[in-house]
N, C-alpha and C. Protein backbone atom coordinates (compact mmCIF):
# COMPACT_ATOMS: atom_id res chain seq x y z
N MET A 1 16.39 -32.89 -10.20
CA MET A 1 15.11 -32.41 -10.55
C MET A 1 14.94 -30.96 -10.11
N GLY A 2 14.31 -30.16 -10.92
CA GLY A 2 14.11 -28.73 -10.52
C GLY A 2 12.70 -28.33 -10.52
N PRO A 3 12.36 -27.08 -10.67
CA PRO A 3 11.01 -26.63 -10.65
C PRO A 3 10.21 -27.05 -11.92
N VAL A 4 8.96 -27.14 -11.83
CA VAL A 4 8.17 -27.50 -12.96
C VAL A 4 8.18 -26.43 -13.93
N ALA A 5 8.42 -26.79 -15.20
CA ALA A 5 8.50 -25.86 -16.33
C ALA A 5 7.20 -25.93 -17.19
N ALA A 6 6.58 -27.16 -17.18
CA ALA A 6 5.34 -27.25 -18.00
C ALA A 6 4.55 -28.47 -17.42
N VAL A 7 3.30 -28.37 -17.67
CA VAL A 7 2.39 -29.40 -17.35
C VAL A 7 1.46 -29.68 -18.54
N THR A 8 1.33 -30.95 -18.97
CA THR A 8 0.55 -31.32 -20.08
C THR A 8 -0.51 -32.24 -19.56
N ASP A 9 -1.87 -31.90 -19.85
CA ASP A 9 -3.03 -32.65 -19.57
C ASP A 9 -3.54 -33.16 -20.93
N SER A 10 -3.73 -34.44 -20.99
CA SER A 10 -4.12 -35.10 -22.25
C SER A 10 -5.50 -34.66 -22.76
N GLU A 11 -6.34 -34.14 -21.84
CA GLU A 11 -7.64 -33.70 -22.15
C GLU A 11 -7.72 -32.17 -22.35
N ARG A 12 -7.01 -31.41 -21.52
CA ARG A 12 -7.16 -29.96 -21.51
C ARG A 12 -6.06 -29.20 -22.22
N GLY A 13 -4.85 -29.88 -22.41
CA GLY A 13 -3.73 -29.09 -23.01
C GLY A 13 -2.54 -28.90 -22.13
N ALA A 14 -1.77 -27.93 -22.48
CA ALA A 14 -0.52 -27.70 -21.80
C ALA A 14 -0.51 -26.30 -21.12
N ARG A 15 0.32 -26.15 -20.10
CA ARG A 15 0.55 -24.90 -19.56
C ARG A 15 2.07 -24.86 -19.25
N GLN A 16 2.63 -23.74 -19.60
CA GLN A 16 4.14 -23.51 -19.47
C GLN A 16 4.37 -22.45 -18.35
N TYR A 17 5.44 -22.67 -17.57
CA TYR A 17 5.78 -21.79 -16.49
C TYR A 17 7.19 -21.21 -16.78
N PHE A 18 7.32 -19.90 -16.82
CA PHE A 18 8.61 -19.20 -17.03
C PHE A 18 8.96 -18.73 -15.67
N LEU A 19 10.12 -19.07 -15.14
CA LEU A 19 10.54 -18.80 -13.78
C LEU A 19 11.71 -17.86 -13.72
N ASP A 20 11.95 -17.14 -12.67
CA ASP A 20 13.14 -16.33 -12.47
C ASP A 20 14.24 -17.16 -11.82
N VAL A 21 15.38 -16.68 -11.60
CA VAL A 21 16.46 -17.45 -11.05
C VAL A 21 16.19 -18.06 -9.63
N GLU A 22 15.20 -17.45 -8.98
CA GLU A 22 14.83 -17.96 -7.63
C GLU A 22 13.73 -19.04 -7.78
N GLY A 23 13.26 -19.29 -9.02
CA GLY A 23 12.17 -20.37 -9.12
C GLY A 23 10.82 -19.75 -8.98
N ARG A 24 10.64 -18.43 -8.98
CA ARG A 24 9.37 -17.80 -8.83
C ARG A 24 8.73 -17.63 -10.27
N PRO A 25 7.39 -17.85 -10.39
CA PRO A 25 6.88 -17.71 -11.70
C PRO A 25 6.87 -16.21 -12.19
N LEU A 26 7.25 -16.01 -13.41
CA LEU A 26 7.28 -14.64 -14.06
C LEU A 26 6.09 -14.64 -15.05
N ARG A 27 5.88 -15.75 -15.66
CA ARG A 27 4.82 -15.87 -16.68
C ARG A 27 4.24 -17.27 -16.66
N LEU A 28 2.85 -17.38 -16.82
CA LEU A 28 2.18 -18.62 -16.94
C LEU A 28 1.49 -18.53 -18.31
N HIS A 29 1.57 -19.57 -19.13
CA HIS A 29 0.92 -19.48 -20.43
C HIS A 29 0.26 -20.88 -20.75
N GLY A 30 -0.96 -20.85 -21.15
CA GLY A 30 -1.69 -22.09 -21.60
C GLY A 30 -2.96 -22.27 -20.78
N LEU A 31 -3.84 -23.16 -21.38
CA LEU A 31 -5.08 -23.50 -20.74
C LEU A 31 -5.88 -22.30 -20.62
N GLY A 32 -5.89 -21.40 -21.57
CA GLY A 32 -6.73 -20.19 -21.61
C GLY A 32 -6.22 -19.02 -20.78
N ALA A 33 -5.00 -19.14 -20.25
CA ALA A 33 -4.45 -18.02 -19.35
C ALA A 33 -3.12 -17.61 -19.97
N ASP A 34 -2.77 -16.34 -19.80
CA ASP A 34 -1.50 -15.81 -20.12
C ASP A 34 -1.28 -14.71 -18.98
N GLU A 35 -0.64 -15.04 -17.96
CA GLU A 35 -0.45 -14.12 -16.87
C GLU A 35 1.06 -13.83 -16.77
N GLN A 36 1.36 -12.58 -16.32
CA GLN A 36 2.70 -12.19 -16.02
C GLN A 36 2.75 -11.51 -14.68
N PHE A 37 3.91 -11.70 -13.98
CA PHE A 37 4.10 -11.22 -12.58
C PHE A 37 5.49 -10.44 -12.46
N THR A 38 5.40 -9.49 -11.53
CA THR A 38 6.58 -8.86 -11.04
C THR A 38 6.60 -9.15 -9.55
N TYR A 39 7.61 -8.70 -8.89
CA TYR A 39 7.74 -8.92 -7.38
C TYR A 39 8.08 -7.60 -6.69
N ALA A 40 7.39 -7.40 -5.58
CA ALA A 40 7.69 -6.18 -4.73
C ALA A 40 9.02 -6.53 -4.01
N ALA A 41 9.59 -5.53 -3.43
CA ALA A 41 10.93 -5.67 -2.73
C ALA A 41 10.75 -6.70 -1.63
N GLN A 42 9.57 -6.87 -1.02
CA GLN A 42 9.37 -7.86 0.07
C GLN A 42 9.19 -9.28 -0.47
N GLY A 43 9.04 -9.37 -1.84
CA GLY A 43 8.80 -10.71 -2.44
C GLY A 43 7.33 -11.04 -2.77
N THR A 44 6.45 -10.06 -2.55
CA THR A 44 5.00 -10.23 -2.84
C THR A 44 4.84 -10.33 -4.36
N PRO A 45 4.19 -11.34 -4.91
CA PRO A 45 3.87 -11.36 -6.45
C PRO A 45 2.81 -10.38 -6.73
N ILE A 46 3.01 -9.67 -7.86
CA ILE A 46 2.08 -8.62 -8.30
C ILE A 46 1.83 -8.90 -9.85
N PRO A 47 0.54 -8.99 -10.18
CA PRO A 47 0.22 -9.18 -11.59
C PRO A 47 0.73 -7.99 -12.38
N SER A 48 1.40 -8.30 -13.58
CA SER A 48 1.85 -7.16 -14.37
C SER A 48 0.75 -6.41 -15.12
N ARG A 49 -0.39 -7.11 -15.37
CA ARG A 49 -1.52 -6.53 -16.10
C ARG A 49 -2.68 -6.25 -15.13
N GLY A 50 -3.48 -5.31 -15.46
CA GLY A 50 -4.60 -4.90 -14.63
C GLY A 50 -4.34 -3.72 -13.75
N PRO A 51 -5.38 -3.52 -12.85
CA PRO A 51 -5.25 -2.38 -11.92
C PRO A 51 -3.97 -2.40 -11.18
N ALA A 52 -3.41 -1.28 -10.80
CA ALA A 52 -2.25 -1.10 -10.04
C ALA A 52 -2.46 -1.70 -8.62
N TRP A 53 -1.36 -2.17 -8.05
CA TRP A 53 -1.36 -2.73 -6.65
C TRP A 53 -0.52 -1.75 -5.78
N SER A 54 -0.88 -1.70 -4.52
CA SER A 54 -0.08 -0.91 -3.57
C SER A 54 0.28 -1.89 -2.51
N ILE A 55 1.60 -2.00 -2.18
CA ILE A 55 2.07 -3.00 -1.17
C ILE A 55 2.63 -2.23 0.05
N GLY A 56 2.16 -2.65 1.20
CA GLY A 56 2.68 -2.03 2.45
C GLY A 56 4.09 -2.48 2.75
N GLY A 57 4.70 -1.82 3.71
CA GLY A 57 6.11 -2.12 4.15
C GLY A 57 6.30 -3.51 4.61
N ASP A 58 5.21 -4.24 5.04
CA ASP A 58 5.32 -5.61 5.51
C ASP A 58 5.11 -6.58 4.38
N GLY A 59 4.87 -6.11 3.15
CA GLY A 59 4.63 -6.91 2.04
C GLY A 59 3.27 -7.34 1.78
N ARG A 60 2.29 -6.93 2.60
CA ARG A 60 0.86 -7.27 2.36
C ARG A 60 0.29 -6.19 1.39
N PRO A 61 -0.62 -6.68 0.55
CA PRO A 61 -1.26 -5.71 -0.35
C PRO A 61 -2.23 -4.83 0.40
N LEU A 62 -2.13 -3.48 0.09
CA LEU A 62 -3.15 -2.53 0.59
C LEU A 62 -4.21 -2.23 -0.44
N ARG A 63 -3.87 -2.34 -1.68
CA ARG A 63 -4.81 -2.07 -2.75
C ARG A 63 -4.41 -3.15 -3.86
N ALA A 64 -5.39 -3.91 -4.18
CA ALA A 64 -5.14 -4.94 -5.28
C ALA A 64 -6.43 -5.14 -6.12
N GLY A 65 -6.15 -5.09 -7.45
CA GLY A 65 -7.28 -5.31 -8.37
C GLY A 65 -8.46 -4.44 -8.19
N GLY A 66 -8.27 -3.17 -7.76
CA GLY A 66 -9.33 -2.22 -7.53
C GLY A 66 -9.94 -2.31 -6.22
N ALA A 67 -9.41 -3.17 -5.30
CA ALA A 67 -10.06 -3.27 -4.02
C ALA A 67 -9.07 -2.74 -2.95
N GLU A 68 -9.71 -2.18 -1.86
CA GLU A 68 -8.91 -1.67 -0.72
C GLU A 68 -8.90 -2.83 0.30
N ILE A 69 -7.71 -3.10 0.85
CA ILE A 69 -7.54 -4.17 1.74
C ILE A 69 -7.02 -3.71 3.12
N GLN A 70 -7.57 -4.23 4.18
CA GLN A 70 -7.11 -3.81 5.53
C GLN A 70 -6.77 -5.05 6.34
N TRP A 71 -5.73 -4.94 7.17
CA TRP A 71 -5.24 -5.99 7.96
C TRP A 71 -5.38 -5.62 9.41
N ASP A 72 -5.58 -6.60 10.38
CA ASP A 72 -5.61 -6.24 11.78
C ASP A 72 -4.18 -6.28 12.33
N ALA A 73 -4.08 -6.02 13.62
CA ALA A 73 -2.81 -5.94 14.26
C ALA A 73 -1.97 -7.22 14.19
N ARG A 74 -2.71 -8.36 14.05
CA ARG A 74 -2.02 -9.63 13.99
C ARG A 74 -1.68 -10.09 12.55
N GLY A 75 -1.98 -9.16 11.60
CA GLY A 75 -1.67 -9.47 10.27
C GLY A 75 -2.67 -10.32 9.53
N ARG A 76 -3.91 -10.44 10.06
CA ARG A 76 -5.02 -11.18 9.47
C ARG A 76 -5.90 -10.23 8.61
N LEU A 77 -6.44 -10.79 7.56
CA LEU A 77 -7.28 -9.97 6.73
C LEU A 77 -8.47 -9.46 7.58
N ALA A 78 -8.73 -8.16 7.58
CA ALA A 78 -9.81 -7.61 8.41
C ALA A 78 -10.94 -7.15 7.49
N ALA A 79 -10.65 -6.55 6.34
CA ALA A 79 -11.76 -6.05 5.42
C ALA A 79 -11.11 -5.91 3.96
N ARG A 80 -12.01 -6.10 3.09
CA ARG A 80 -11.75 -5.94 1.64
C ARG A 80 -12.92 -5.27 1.01
N ALA A 81 -12.72 -4.11 0.43
CA ALA A 81 -13.82 -3.29 -0.14
C ALA A 81 -13.51 -2.93 -1.60
N GLY A 82 -14.47 -3.16 -2.47
CA GLY A 82 -14.29 -2.89 -3.83
C GLY A 82 -15.60 -2.33 -4.40
N GLN A 83 -15.61 -2.06 -5.74
CA GLN A 83 -16.81 -1.51 -6.38
C GLN A 83 -17.76 -2.66 -6.80
N GLY A 84 -17.27 -3.84 -7.11
CA GLY A 84 -18.12 -4.84 -7.56
C GLY A 84 -18.13 -6.13 -6.67
N PRO A 85 -18.98 -7.08 -6.87
CA PRO A 85 -19.04 -8.28 -6.08
C PRO A 85 -17.82 -9.10 -6.03
N LEU A 86 -17.04 -9.17 -7.09
CA LEU A 86 -15.84 -9.87 -7.14
C LEU A 86 -14.67 -9.19 -6.38
N GLN A 87 -14.88 -7.97 -6.01
CA GLN A 87 -13.84 -7.22 -5.27
C GLN A 87 -14.16 -7.07 -3.78
N THR A 88 -15.18 -7.61 -3.25
CA THR A 88 -15.45 -7.55 -1.83
C THR A 88 -15.44 -8.84 -1.16
């Protein structure tokens, strides 16, 4: 048995998962979504479409989806600021 390649729901439909050689999702398609991902050197998944992301040296996002993200000294989310209610 390996990673999940597809899920079929009898009421909602199917979703397919396209994975890289390490089993990480590169593309998800179905159920109204079509998403693609790349990976930062640290392994952080980054959406291929949409606003650019900035990843810090520790792999945490510093800017994602138009929002600025700050982390405290222990690596916990400290603040997230954006222009709209979905970005804060």
